[in-house]
């Protein structure tokens, strides 16, 4: 696994880059699961020299980002061909379609349809886990991971669409990476217990170099982040 130089995050004091000069830039943070989706996609397609990472300090972000780059003022966003786009799901599809490198979606129509079905349930999946984070019962999180276990039975192979790593896996793994940590550390809940497909899926994804390069999750930081997000609701 090659090591990529990771630029230091830009804060409010950082000089703006030469915007819209033909450079393709992924504005992101290293710890954001949504930005991680696009980062994994970039890596898998071998676009490290084509798409420049521009990490931002979201707690003290540069004013020029909102004023000149992306008025929504969120990450991730992608500067490409003189325009800026956002929304992580849209971006992983865009990068896969518009850049060279191995395709991350199969040609099989049934698998493409199932991919869209998985996308339509991602908010529900996240919401069920968040319900657990807001309370004390792990029932809702268990339901979410039971659904994931079932989804993984549709095709042969360890991944959501079969034997090939795809955008479906990229959509889910940044969330699962963090949920697994918090559920284990705070709720003593093992998402892999009794779920052999989820277990095999996590093991398979962790062998993908493009994903391993993006793993920046510190368990203490994850727990603290979710505690801050949901403690007021308990």
C-alpha atoms as a PDB file:
ATOM      1  CA  UNK A   1       0.000   0.000   0.000  1.00  0.00           C
ATOM      2  CA  UNK A   2       1.548   3.282  -1.111  1.00  0.00           C
ATOM      3  CA  UNK A   3       1.486   6.214   1.274  1.00  0.00           C
ATOM      4  CA  UNK A   4       0.007   9.452  -0.006  1.00  0.00           C
ATOM      5  CA  UNK A   5       1.093  12.826   1.359  1.00  0.00           C
ATOM      6  CA  UNK A   6      -1.914  14.351   3.089  1.00  0.00           C
ATOM      7  CA  UNK A   7      -1.992  18.169   3.101  1.00  0.00           C
ATOM      8  CA  UNK A   8      -2.566  20.014   6.361  1.00  0.00           C
ATOM      9  CA  UNK A   9      -6.172  21.262   6.750  1.00  0.00           C
ATOM     10  CA  UNK A  10      -6.727  24.870   5.713  1.00  0.00           C
ATOM     11  CA  UNK A  11      -8.193  27.241   8.295  1.00  0.00           C
ATOM     12  CA  UNK A  12      -9.423  30.828   8.207  1.00  0.00           C
ATOM     13  CA  UNK A  13      -5.883  32.148   7.867  1.00  0.00           C
ATOM     14  CA  UNK A  14      -5.090  30.028   4.797  1.00  0.00           C
ATOM     15  CA  UNK A  15      -4.578  31.704   1.458  1.00  0.00           C
ATOM     16  CA  UNK A  16      -7.083  30.591  -1.146  1.00  0.00           C
ATOM     17  CA  UNK A  17      -5.795  28.347  -3.926  1.00  0.00           C
ATOM     18  CA  UNK A  18      -5.820  29.432  -7.574  1.00  0.00           C
ATOM     19  CA  UNK A  19      -9.501  28.630  -7.923  1.00  0.00           C
ATOM     20  CA  UNK A  20     -10.912  27.403 -11.236  1.00  0.00           C
ATOM     21  CA  UNK A  21      -7.485  27.148 -12.845  1.00  0.00           C
ATOM     22  CA  UNK A  22      -8.198  23.723 -14.322  1.00  0.00           C
ATOM     23  CA  UNK A  23      -7.158  21.799 -11.217  1.00  0.00           C
ATOM     24  CA  UNK A  24      -9.696  19.260 -10.006  1.00  0.00           C
ATOM     25  CA  UNK A  25     -10.069  19.600  -6.238  1.00  0.00           C
ATOM     26  CA  UNK A  26     -11.886  17.557  -3.626  1.00  0.00           C
ATOM     27  CA  UNK A  27     -12.717  19.820  -0.685  1.00  0.00           C
ATOM     28  CA  UNK A  28     -13.101  17.598   2.343  1.00  0.00           C
ATOM     29  CA  UNK A  29     -12.082  16.753   5.868  1.00  0.00           C
ATOM     30  CA  UNK A  30     -10.203  13.616   6.808  1.00  0.00           C
ATOM     31  CA  UNK A  31     -12.701  12.673   9.516  1.00  0.00           C
ATOM     32  CA  UNK A  32     -15.993  13.232   7.688  1.00  0.00           C
ATOM     33  CA  UNK A  33     -17.720   9.986   6.602  1.00  0.00           C
ATOM     34  CA  UNK A  34     -19.400  11.708   3.653  1.00  0.00           C
ATOM     35  CA  UNK A  35     -16.128  13.106   2.356  1.00  0.00           C
ATOM     36  CA  UNK A  36     -14.565   9.712   2.957  1.00  0.00           C
ATOM     37  CA  UNK A  37     -16.934   8.202   0.385  1.00  0.00           C
ATOM     38  CA  UNK A  38     -15.518  10.418  -2.354  1.00  0.00           C
ATOM     39  CA  UNK A  39     -11.961   9.961  -1.103  1.00  0.00           C
ATOM     40  CA  UNK A  40     -12.292   6.166  -1.330  1.00  0.00           C
ATOM     41  CA  UNK A  41     -13.754   6.431  -4.831  1.00  0.00           C
ATOM     42  CA  UNK A  42     -10.867   8.670  -5.925  1.00  0.00           C
ATOM     43  CA  UNK A  43      -8.309   6.274  -4.496  1.00  0.00           C
ATOM     44  CA  UNK A  44      -9.861   3.140  -5.969  1.00  0.00           C
ATOM     45  CA  UNK A  45      -9.888   4.627  -9.443  1.00  0.00           C
ATOM     46  CA  UNK A  46      -6.247   5.665  -9.099  1.00  0.00           C
ATOM     47  CA  UNK A  47      -6.963   9.381  -9.357  1.00  0.00           C
ATOM     48  CA  UNK A  48      -4.502  10.616  -6.738  1.00  0.00           C
ATOM     49  CA  UNK A  49      -2.715  12.686  -9.394  1.00  0.00           C
ATOM     50  CA  UNK A  50      -5.945  13.837 -11.037  1.00  0.00           C
ATOM     51  CA  UNK A  51      -8.008  14.952  -8.034  1.00  0.00           C
ATOM     52  CA  UNK A  52      -6.205  17.081  -5.461  1.00  0.00           C
ATOM     53  CA  UNK A  53      -7.266  16.793  -1.835  1.00  0.00           C
ATOM     54  CA  UNK A  54      -8.033  20.139  -0.190  1.00  0.00           C
ATOM     55  CA  UNK A  55      -8.809  19.427   3.477  1.00  0.00           C
ATOM     56  CA  UNK A  56     -10.543  22.151   5.460  1.00  0.00           C
ATOM     57  CA  UNK A  57     -10.698  22.910   9.164  1.00  0.00           C
ATOM     58  CA  UNK A  58     -14.469  22.995   9.602  1.00  0.00           C
ATOM     59  CA  UNK A  59     -14.229  24.554  13.059  1.00  0.00           C
ATOM     60  CA  UNK A  60     -12.368  27.520  11.576  1.00  0.00           C
ATOM     61  CA  UNK A  61     -12.972  27.255   7.850  1.00  0.00           C
ATOM     62  CA  UNK A  62     -11.705  29.791   5.316  1.00  0.00           C
ATOM     63  CA  UNK A  63     -14.227  32.470   4.347  1.00  0.00           C
ATOM     64  CA  UNK A  64     -13.293  32.101   0.677  1.00  0.00           C
ATOM     65  CA  UNK A  65     -14.667  28.576   0.618  1.00  0.00           C
ATOM     66  CA  UNK A  66     -18.255  29.766   1.092  1.00  0.00           C
ATOM     67  CA  UNK A  67     -17.799  33.017  -0.801  1.00  0.00           C
ATOM     68  CA  UNK A  68     -16.043  31.689  -3.903  1.00  0.00           C
ATOM     69  CA  UNK A  69     -16.191  27.895  -3.990  1.00  0.00           C
ATOM     70  CA  UNK A  70     -19.318  26.343  -2.491  1.00  0.00           C
ATOM     71  CA  UNK A  71     -21.987  28.601  -1.038  1.00  0.00           C
ATOM     72  CA  UNK A  72     -23.547  25.684   0.863  1.00  0.00           C
ATOM     73  CA  UNK A  73     -20.319  25.789   2.928  1.00  0.00           C
ATOM     74  CA  UNK A  74     -20.226  22.042   3.560  1.00  0.00           C
ATOM     75  CA  UNK A  75     -17.965  19.187   2.561  1.00  0.00           C
ATOM     76  CA  UNK A  76     -17.446  17.278   0.443  1.00  0.00           C
ATOM     77  CA  UNK A  77     -17.485  19.280  -2.752  1.00  0.00           C
ATOM     78  CA  UNK A  78     -15.696  18.775  -6.036  1.00  0.00           C
ATOM     79  CA  UNK A  79     -14.255  21.494  -8.271  1.00  0.00           C
ATOM     80  CA  UNK A  80     -14.084  20.142 -11.820  1.00  0.00           C
ATOM     81  CA  UNK A  81     -14.260  21.719 -15.254  1.00  0.00           C
ATOM     82  CA  UNK A  82     -15.083  25.160 -13.919  1.00  0.00           C
ATOM     83  CA  UNK A  83     -17.954  24.146 -11.666  1.00  0.00           C
ATOM     84  CA  UNK A  84     -18.426  22.914  -8.107  1.00  0.00           C
ATOM     85  CA  UNK A  85     -20.708  20.081  -7.087  1.00  0.00           C
ATOM     86  CA  UNK A  86     -21.691  18.695  -3.705  1.00  0.00           C
ATOM     87  CA  UNK A  87     -23.541  15.804  -2.020  1.00  0.00           C
ATOM     88  CA  UNK A  88     -21.458  12.699  -1.439  1.00  0.00           C
ATOM     89  CA  UNK A  89     -23.699  10.190  -3.257  1.00  0.00           C
ATOM     90  CA  UNK A  90     -23.878  12.410  -6.323  1.00  0.00           C
ATOM     91  CA  UNK A  91     -20.125  12.890  -6.201  1.00  0.00           C
ATOM     92  CA  UNK A  92     -19.165   9.223  -6.033  1.00  0.00           C
ATOM     93  CA  UNK A  93     -21.400   8.560  -9.027  1.00  0.00           C
ATOM     94  CA  UNK A  94     -19.902  11.543 -10.861  1.00  0.00           C
ATOM     95  CA  UNK A  95     -16.307  10.540 -10.193  1.00  0.00           C
ATOM     96  CA  UNK A  96     -16.995   6.968 -11.239  1.00  0.00           C
ATOM     97  CA  UNK A  97     -18.660   8.066 -14.484  1.00  0.00           C
ATOM     98  CA  UNK A  98     -16.473  10.999 -15.498  1.00  0.00           C
ATOM     99  CA  UNK A  99     -12.957   9.826 -14.689  1.00  0.00           C
ATOM    100  CA  UNK A 100     -10.767   7.004 -15.918  1.00  0.00           C
ATOM    101  CA  UNK A 101     -10.078   3.980 -13.766  1.00  0.00           C
ATOM    102  CA  UNK A 102     -11.853   0.756 -12.825  1.00  0.00           C
ATOM    103  CA  UNK A 103     -15.622   1.067 -12.796  1.00  0.00           C
ATOM    104  CA  UNK A 104     -17.276   0.902  -9.402  1.00  0.00           C
ATOM    105  CA  UNK A 105     -20.675  -0.149 -10.697  1.00  0.00           C
ATOM    106  CA  UNK A 106     -21.354  -3.392 -12.588  1.00  0.00           C
ATOM    107  CA  UNK A 107     -23.108  -3.384 -15.961  1.00  0.00           C
ATOM    108  CA  UNK A 108     -25.697  -5.827 -14.658  1.00  0.00           C
ATOM    109  CA  UNK A 109     -29.101  -4.079 -14.637  1.00  0.00           C
ATOM    110  CA  UNK A 110     -30.353  -6.018 -11.602  1.00  0.00           C
ATOM    111  CA  UNK A 111     -27.320  -5.004  -9.564  1.00  0.00           C
ATOM    112  CA  UNK A 112     -27.705  -1.376 -10.597  1.00  0.00           C
ATOM    113  CA  UNK A 113     -31.334  -1.475  -9.495  1.00  0.00           C
ATOM    114  CA  UNK A 114     -30.364  -3.033  -6.173  1.00  0.00           C
ATOM    115  CA  UNK A 115     -27.722  -0.337  -5.708  1.00  0.00           C
ATOM    116  CA  UNK A 116     -30.396   2.345  -6.047  1.00  0.00           C
ATOM    117  CA  UNK A 117     -32.593   0.446  -3.575  1.00  0.00           C
ATOM    118  CA  UNK A 118     -29.732   0.417  -1.088  1.00  0.00           C
ATOM    119  CA  UNK A 119     -29.275   4.159  -1.542  1.00  0.00           C
ATOM    120  CA  UNK A 120     -32.962   4.747  -0.860  1.00  0.00           C
ATOM    121  CA  UNK A 121     -32.566   3.040   2.544  1.00  0.00           C
ATOM    122  CA  UNK A 122     -29.353   4.712   3.687  1.00  0.00           C
ATOM    123  CA  UNK A 123     -31.174   7.445   5.632  1.00  0.00           C
ATOM    124  CA  UNK A 124     -33.332   4.845   7.370  1.00  0.00           C
ATOM    125  CA  UNK A 125     -30.238   2.805   8.227  1.00  0.00           C
ATOM    126  CA  UNK A 126     -28.531   5.841   9.710  1.00  0.00           C
ATOM    127  CA  UNK A 127     -31.676   6.943  11.531  1.00  0.00           C
ATOM    128  CA  UNK A 128     -32.134   3.580  13.236  1.00  0.00           C
ATOM    129  CA  UNK A 129     -28.583   3.646  14.585  1.00  0.00           C
ATOM    130  CA  UNK A 130     -28.956   7.245  15.691  1.00  0.00           C
ATOM    131  CA  UNK A 131     -32.090   6.257  17.641  1.00  0.00           C
ATOM    132  CA  UNK A 132     -29.913   3.902  19.662  1.00  0.00           C
ATOM    133  CA  UNK A 133     -27.336   6.652  20.173  1.00  0.00           C
ATOM    134  CA  UNK A 134     -30.067   8.909  21.548  1.00  0.00           C
ATOM    135  CA  UNK A 135     -31.233   6.339  24.094  1.00  0.00           C
ATOM    136  CA  UNK A 136     -30.184   3.155  25.806  1.00  0.00           C
ATOM    137  CA  UNK A 137     -31.734   0.325  23.783  1.00  0.00           C
ATOM    138  CA  UNK A 138     -29.750  -1.276  20.959  1.00  0.00           C
ATOM    139  CA  UNK A 139     -32.913  -2.659  19.358  1.00  0.00           C
ATOM    140  CA  UNK A 140     -32.985  -0.086  16.562  1.00  0.00           C
ATOM    141  CA  UNK A 141     -29.288  -0.489  15.765  1.00  0.00           C
ATOM    142  CA  UNK A 142     -29.805  -4.230  15.725  1.00  0.00           C
ATOM    143  CA  UNK A 143     -32.619  -3.818  13.215  1.00  0.00           C
ATOM    144  CA  UNK A 144     -30.385  -1.683  10.995  1.00  0.00           C
ATOM    145  CA  UNK A 145     -27.610  -4.260  10.942  1.00  0.00           C
ATOM    146  CA  UNK A 146     -30.067  -7.108  10.458  1.00  0.00           C
ATOM    147  CA  UNK A 147     -31.188  -5.299   7.295  1.00  0.00           C
ATOM    148  CA  UNK A 148     -27.565  -4.995   6.192  1.00  0.00           C
ATOM    149  CA  UNK A 149     -27.016  -8.700   6.875  1.00  0.00           C
ATOM    150  CA  UNK A 150     -30.039  -9.507   4.733  1.00  0.00           C
ATOM    151  CA  UNK A 151     -28.868  -7.217   1.913  1.00  0.00           C
ATOM    152  CA  UNK A 152     -25.552  -9.064   1.855  1.00  0.00           C
ATOM    153  CA  UNK A 153     -27.341 -12.354   1.126  1.00  0.00           C
ATOM    154  CA  UNK A 154     -28.678 -11.212  -2.265  1.00  0.00           C
ATOM    155  CA  UNK A 155     -25.537 -12.040  -4.253  1.00  0.00           C
ATOM    156  CA  UNK A 156     -22.643 -14.447  -3.899  1.00  0.00           C
ATOM    157  CA  UNK A 157     -19.454 -12.801  -2.697  1.00  0.00           C
ATOM    158  CA  UNK A 158     -18.490 -10.720   0.302  1.00  0.00           C
ATOM    159  CA  UNK A 159     -19.595  -7.339  -1.061  1.00  0.00           C
ATOM    160  CA  UNK A 160     -23.041  -5.785  -1.379  1.00  0.00           C
ATOM    161  CA  UNK A 161     -23.145  -6.344  -5.141  1.00  0.00           C
ATOM    162  CA  UNK A 162     -21.301  -9.639  -5.179  1.00  0.00           C
ATOM    163  CA  UNK A 163     -17.630 -10.365  -5.706  1.00  0.00           C
ATOM    164  CA  UNK A 164     -16.599  -6.843  -6.736  1.00  0.00           C
ATOM    165  CA  UNK A 165     -16.108  -3.841  -4.458  1.00  0.00           C
ATOM    166  CA  UNK A 166     -18.528  -1.113  -5.568  1.00  0.00           C
ATOM    167  CA  UNK A 167     -20.145   2.231  -4.844  1.00  0.00           C
ATOM    168  CA  UNK A 168     -22.632   0.356  -2.661  1.00  0.00           C
ATOM    169  CA  UNK A 169     -19.864  -0.642  -0.257  1.00  0.00           C
ATOM    170  CA  UNK A 170     -18.377   2.845  -0.418  1.00  0.00           C
ATOM    171  CA  UNK A 171     -21.730   4.333   0.575  1.00  0.00           C
ATOM    172  CA  UNK A 172     -22.084   2.233   3.719  1.00  0.00           C
ATOM    173  CA  UNK A 173     -18.594   1.560   5.060  1.00  0.00           C
ATOM    174  CA  UNK A 174     -17.721   5.063   6.379  1.00  0.00           C
ATOM    175  CA  UNK A 175     -20.890   4.995   8.491  1.00  0.00           C
ATOM    176  CA  UNK A 176     -20.420   1.400   9.621  1.00  0.00           C
ATOM    177  CA  UNK A 177     -16.796   2.114  10.527  1.00  0.00           C
ATOM    178  CA  UNK A 178     -17.930   4.763  13.004  1.00  0.00           C
ATOM    179  CA  UNK A 179     -21.104   3.046  14.183  1.00  0.00           C
ATOM    180  CA  UNK A 180     -19.187  -0.127  14.995  1.00  0.00           C
ATOM    181  CA  UNK A 181     -16.788   1.804  17.223  1.00  0.00           C
ATOM    182  CA  UNK A 182     -19.440   3.718  19.131  1.00  0.00           C
ATOM    183  CA  UNK A 183     -21.762   0.745  19.580  1.00  0.00           C
ATOM    184  CA  UNK A 184     -18.878  -1.338  20.904  1.00  0.00           C
ATOM    185  CA  UNK A 185     -17.332   1.298  23.154  1.00  0.00           C
ATOM    186  CA  UNK A 186     -20.488   2.854  24.593  1.00  0.00           C
ATOM    187  CA  UNK A 187     -23.161   0.170  24.321  1.00  0.00           C
ATOM    188  CA  UNK A 188     -20.932  -2.949  24.439  1.00  0.00           C
ATOM    189  CA  UNK A 189     -22.783  -4.081  21.331  1.00  0.00           C
ATOM    190  CA  UNK A 190     -21.027  -6.165  18.680  1.00  0.00           C
ATOM    191  CA  UNK A 191     -22.535  -5.556  15.237  1.00  0.00           C
ATOM    192  CA  UNK A 192     -20.885  -8.712  13.859  1.00  0.00           C
ATOM    193  CA  UNK A 193     -22.279 -11.125  16.483  1.00  0.00           C
ATOM    194  CA  UNK A 194     -24.657 -13.529  14.759  1.00  0.00           C
ATOM    195  CA  UNK A 195     -24.148 -11.752  11.441  1.00  0.00           C
ATOM    196  CA  UNK A 196     -21.643 -13.748   9.384  1.00  0.00           C
ATOM    197  CA  UNK A 197     -22.304 -11.750   6.212  1.00  0.00           C
ATOM    198  CA  UNK A 198     -21.614  -8.429   7.938  1.00  0.00           C
ATOM    199  CA  UNK A 199     -18.487  -9.938   9.481  1.00  0.00           C
ATOM    200  CA  UNK A 200     -17.190 -11.162   6.113  1.00  0.00           C
ATOM    201  CA  UNK A 201     -18.100  -7.849   4.451  1.00  0.00           C
ATOM    202  CA  UNK A 202     -16.162  -5.759   6.966  1.00  0.00           C
ATOM    203  CA  UNK A 203     -13.171  -8.092   6.647  1.00  0.00           C
ATOM    204  CA  UNK A 204     -13.287  -7.877   2.838  1.00  0.00           C
ATOM    205  CA  UNK A 205     -13.599  -4.093   2.742  1.00  0.00           C
ATOM    206  CA  UNK A 206     -10.696  -3.745   5.174  1.00  0.00           C
ATOM    207  CA  UNK A 207      -8.503  -5.494   2.604  1.00  0.00           C
ATOM    208  CA  UNK A 208      -9.184  -2.785   0.005  1.00  0.00           C
ATOM    209  CA  UNK A 209      -6.184  -0.444  -0.071  1.00  0.00           C
ATOM    210  CA  UNK A 210      -8.255   2.463  -1.370  1.00  0.00           C
ATOM    211  CA  UNK A 211     -10.367   2.265   1.779  1.00  0.00           C
ATOM    212  CA  UNK A 212      -7.549   1.523   4.236  1.00  0.00           C
ATOM    213  CA  UNK A 213      -5.785   4.751   3.241  1.00  0.00           C
ATOM    214  CA  UNK A 214      -8.824   6.752   4.370  1.00  0.00           C
ATOM    215  CA  UNK A 215      -9.290   5.254   7.821  1.00  0.00           C
ATOM    216  CA  UNK A 216      -8.671   8.132  10.195  1.00  0.00           C
ATOM    217  CA  UNK A 217     -11.110   7.212  12.922  1.00  0.00           C
ATOM    218  CA  UNK A 218      -9.851   7.503  16.475  1.00  0.00           C
ATOM    219  CA  UNK A 219     -12.200   5.598  18.831  1.00  0.00           C
ATOM    220  CA  UNK A 220     -11.978   8.278  21.513  1.00  0.00           C
ATOM    221  CA  UNK A 221     -12.834  10.996  19.015  1.00  0.00           C
ATOM    222  CA  UNK A 222     -15.740   8.998  17.597  1.00  0.00           C
ATOM    223  CA  UNK A 223     -17.216   8.385  21.035  1.00  0.00           C
ATOM    224  CA  UNK A 224     -16.777  12.031  22.027  1.00  0.00           C
ATOM    225  CA  UNK A 225     -18.374  13.240  18.798  1.00  0.00           C
ATOM    226  CA  UNK A 226     -21.473  11.104  19.146  1.00  0.00           C
ATOM    227  CA  UNK A 227     -21.727  11.875  22.839  1.00  0.00           C
ATOM    228  CA  UNK A 228     -21.745  15.579  22.032  1.00  0.00           C
ATOM    229  CA  UNK A 229     -24.322  15.079  19.265  1.00  0.00           C
ATOM    230  CA  UNK A 230     -26.785  13.031  21.252  1.00  0.00           C
ATOM    231  CA  UNK A 231     -26.237  13.599  24.992  1.00  0.00           C
ATOM    232  CA  UNK A 232     -28.730  16.463  25.023  1.00  0.00           C
ATOM    233  CA  UNK A 233     -31.429  14.081  23.810  1.00  0.00           C
ATOM    234  CA  UNK A 234     -31.015  11.576  26.604  1.00  0.00           C
END
